[in-house]
């Protein structure tokens, strides 16, 4: 684990500390069987269950 001290900056000059004031109280989660998706990656998803389709429609 990497501990980032408040006020520490990245090489690009921006703050490494996330702005938590912009996070909503609830975040939707789409469980993916047999797949791990990392931040800032794009993967094609085949969504078939009605509740999963609703989740995608609600956040789009």
N, C-alpha and C. Protein backbone atom coordinates (compact mmCIF):
# COMPACT_ATOMS: atom_id res chain seq x y z
N UNK A 1 0.85 -1.17 0.00
CA UNK A 1 0.00 0.00 0.00
C UNK A 1 0.89 1.23 0.00
N UNK A 2 0.49 2.22 -0.77
CA UNK A 2 1.22 3.48 -0.85
C UNK A 2 0.44 4.53 -0.08
N UNK A 3 1.07 5.13 0.89
CA UNK A 3 0.42 6.18 1.68
C UNK A 3 0.82 7.52 1.09
N UNK A 4 -0.17 8.33 0.75
CA UNK A 4 0.07 9.65 0.16
C UNK A 4 -0.25 10.71 1.20
N UNK A 5 0.72 11.51 1.50
CA UNK A 5 0.51 12.57 2.47
C UNK A 5 -0.29 13.69 1.83
N UNK A 6 -1.15 14.32 2.61
CA UNK A 6 -1.94 15.43 2.10
C UNK A 6 -1.02 16.52 1.59
N UNK A 7 -1.34 17.03 0.41
CA UNK A 7 -0.54 18.08 -0.19
C UNK A 7 0.52 17.58 -1.14
N UNK A 8 0.76 16.26 -1.16
CA UNK A 8 1.75 15.69 -2.07
C UNK A 8 1.23 15.79 -3.50
N UNK A 9 2.10 16.08 -4.45
CA UNK A 9 1.68 16.26 -5.85
C UNK A 9 2.25 15.17 -6.73
N UNK A 10 1.55 14.92 -7.83
CA UNK A 10 2.03 13.95 -8.82
C UNK A 10 3.08 14.60 -9.70
N UNK A 11 3.70 13.80 -10.56
CA UNK A 11 4.73 14.32 -11.48
C UNK A 11 4.14 15.34 -12.44
N UNK A 12 2.82 15.21 -12.74
CA UNK A 12 2.16 16.15 -13.65
C UNK A 12 1.77 17.45 -12.95
N UNK A 13 1.95 17.51 -11.64
CA UNK A 13 1.65 18.73 -10.91
C UNK A 13 0.30 18.74 -10.22
N UNK A 14 -0.55 17.75 -10.47
CA UNK A 14 -1.85 17.69 -9.82
C UNK A 14 -1.76 16.98 -8.48
N UNK A 15 -2.75 17.16 -7.66
CA UNK A 15 -2.76 16.54 -6.34
C UNK A 15 -3.04 15.05 -6.47
N UNK A 16 -2.35 14.24 -5.67
CA UNK A 16 -2.58 12.79 -5.64
C UNK A 16 -3.70 12.42 -4.69
N UNK A 17 -4.14 13.35 -3.86
CA UNK A 17 -5.21 13.08 -2.90
C UNK A 17 -6.54 13.29 -3.61
N UNK A 18 -7.40 12.25 -3.66
CA UNK A 18 -8.68 12.41 -4.37
C UNK A 18 -9.60 13.39 -3.67
N UNK A 19 -10.41 14.07 -4.45
CA UNK A 19 -11.40 15.00 -3.91
C UNK A 19 -12.64 14.20 -3.54
N UNK A 20 -12.78 13.85 -2.27
CA UNK A 20 -13.88 13.00 -1.83
C UNK A 20 -15.20 13.74 -1.72
N UNK A 21 -15.19 15.05 -1.88
CA UNK A 21 -16.44 15.81 -1.78
C UNK A 21 -17.33 15.57 -2.99
N UNK A 22 -16.79 15.00 -4.07
CA UNK A 22 -17.56 14.77 -5.29
C UNK A 22 -18.17 13.37 -5.36
N UNK A 23 -17.90 12.51 -4.38
CA UNK A 23 -18.43 11.15 -4.40
C UNK A 23 -19.88 11.12 -3.94
N UNK A 24 -20.74 10.37 -4.65
CA UNK A 24 -22.13 10.23 -4.21
C UNK A 24 -22.20 9.30 -3.00
N UNK A 25 -23.35 9.31 -2.32
CA UNK A 25 -23.55 8.44 -1.16
C UNK A 25 -23.61 6.97 -1.55
N UNK A 26 -24.12 6.68 -2.75
CA UNK A 26 -24.23 5.30 -3.23
C UNK A 26 -23.61 5.19 -4.61
N UNK A 27 -22.91 4.08 -4.83
CA UNK A 27 -22.31 3.81 -6.14
C UNK A 27 -22.86 2.48 -6.65
N UNK A 28 -23.31 2.42 -7.91
CA UNK A 28 -23.80 1.16 -8.46
C UNK A 28 -22.63 0.20 -8.72
N UNK A 29 -22.89 -1.09 -8.51
CA UNK A 29 -21.87 -2.11 -8.73
C UNK A 29 -22.43 -3.15 -9.68
N UNK A 30 -21.71 -3.43 -10.75
CA UNK A 30 -22.08 -4.47 -11.70
C UNK A 30 -21.12 -5.64 -11.50
N UNK A 31 -21.58 -6.73 -10.88
CA UNK A 31 -20.69 -7.88 -10.68
C UNK A 31 -20.33 -8.53 -12.02
N UNK A 32 -19.08 -8.85 -12.19
CA UNK A 32 -18.60 -9.47 -13.42
C UNK A 32 -17.99 -10.83 -13.08
N UNK A 33 -18.57 -11.89 -13.58
CA UNK A 33 -18.09 -13.23 -13.29
C UNK A 33 -16.87 -13.54 -14.17
N UNK A 34 -15.77 -13.91 -13.51
CA UNK A 34 -14.57 -14.31 -14.24
C UNK A 34 -13.84 -13.18 -14.93
N UNK A 35 -14.05 -11.95 -14.48
CA UNK A 35 -13.42 -10.80 -15.14
C UNK A 35 -13.06 -9.75 -14.11
N UNK A 36 -11.87 -9.20 -14.24
CA UNK A 36 -11.44 -8.09 -13.39
C UNK A 36 -11.18 -6.91 -14.32
N UNK A 37 -11.78 -5.77 -14.01
CA UNK A 37 -11.58 -4.56 -14.80
C UNK A 37 -10.89 -3.53 -13.92
N UNK A 38 -9.77 -3.04 -14.38
CA UNK A 38 -9.00 -2.06 -13.62
C UNK A 38 -9.39 -0.65 -14.05
N UNK A 39 -9.17 0.33 -13.17
CA UNK A 39 -9.50 1.72 -13.53
C UNK A 39 -8.78 2.15 -14.81
N UNK A 40 -9.44 2.99 -15.56
CA UNK A 40 -8.92 3.57 -16.80
C UNK A 40 -8.68 2.53 -17.90
N UNK A 41 -9.42 1.41 -17.85
CA UNK A 41 -9.35 0.42 -18.92
C UNK A 41 -10.72 0.31 -19.57
N UNK A 42 -10.72 -0.14 -20.81
CA UNK A 42 -11.98 -0.33 -21.53
C UNK A 42 -12.08 -1.80 -21.94
N UNK A 43 -13.21 -2.41 -21.63
CA UNK A 43 -13.46 -3.80 -22.03
C UNK A 43 -14.89 -3.90 -22.55
N UNK A 44 -15.09 -4.72 -23.57
CA UNK A 44 -16.47 -4.92 -24.03
C UNK A 44 -17.23 -5.79 -23.04
N UNK A 45 -18.47 -5.44 -22.76
CA UNK A 45 -19.30 -6.20 -21.83
C UNK A 45 -20.55 -6.66 -22.56
N UNK A 46 -20.93 -7.91 -22.33
CA UNK A 46 -22.19 -8.42 -22.84
C UNK A 46 -23.14 -8.50 -21.65
N UNK A 47 -24.15 -7.65 -21.64
CA UNK A 47 -25.09 -7.56 -20.53
C UNK A 47 -26.39 -8.19 -20.97
N UNK A 48 -26.90 -9.16 -20.18
CA UNK A 48 -28.12 -9.86 -20.59
C UNK A 48 -29.22 -9.87 -19.54
N UNK A 49 -28.85 -9.86 -18.27
CA UNK A 49 -29.88 -9.91 -17.22
C UNK A 49 -30.60 -8.57 -17.14
N UNK A 50 -31.93 -8.61 -17.00
CA UNK A 50 -32.71 -7.36 -16.94
C UNK A 50 -32.23 -6.40 -15.86
N UNK A 51 -31.86 -6.90 -14.69
CA UNK A 51 -31.41 -5.99 -13.62
C UNK A 51 -30.08 -5.33 -13.97
N UNK A 52 -29.21 -6.05 -14.71
CA UNK A 52 -27.95 -5.46 -15.15
C UNK A 52 -28.18 -4.42 -16.23
N UNK A 53 -29.10 -4.69 -17.13
CA UNK A 53 -29.45 -3.71 -18.18
C UNK A 53 -30.01 -2.45 -17.54
N UNK A 54 -30.86 -2.60 -16.53
CA UNK A 54 -31.44 -1.45 -15.83
C UNK A 54 -30.34 -0.63 -15.15
N UNK A 55 -29.38 -1.31 -14.52
CA UNK A 55 -28.27 -0.61 -13.86
C UNK A 55 -27.50 0.23 -14.87
N UNK A 56 -27.18 -0.34 -16.02
CA UNK A 56 -26.45 0.39 -17.06
C UNK A 56 -27.27 1.57 -17.57
N UNK A 57 -28.57 1.35 -17.80
CA UNK A 57 -29.44 2.43 -18.27
C UNK A 57 -29.54 3.55 -17.24
N UNK A 58 -29.58 3.20 -15.96
CA UNK A 58 -29.72 4.21 -14.90
C UNK A 58 -28.49 5.10 -14.77
N UNK A 59 -27.31 4.55 -15.01
CA UNK A 59 -26.09 5.35 -14.82
C UNK A 59 -25.63 6.02 -16.11
N UNK A 60 -26.21 5.66 -17.22
CA UNK A 60 -25.79 6.25 -18.50
C UNK A 60 -26.36 7.64 -18.68
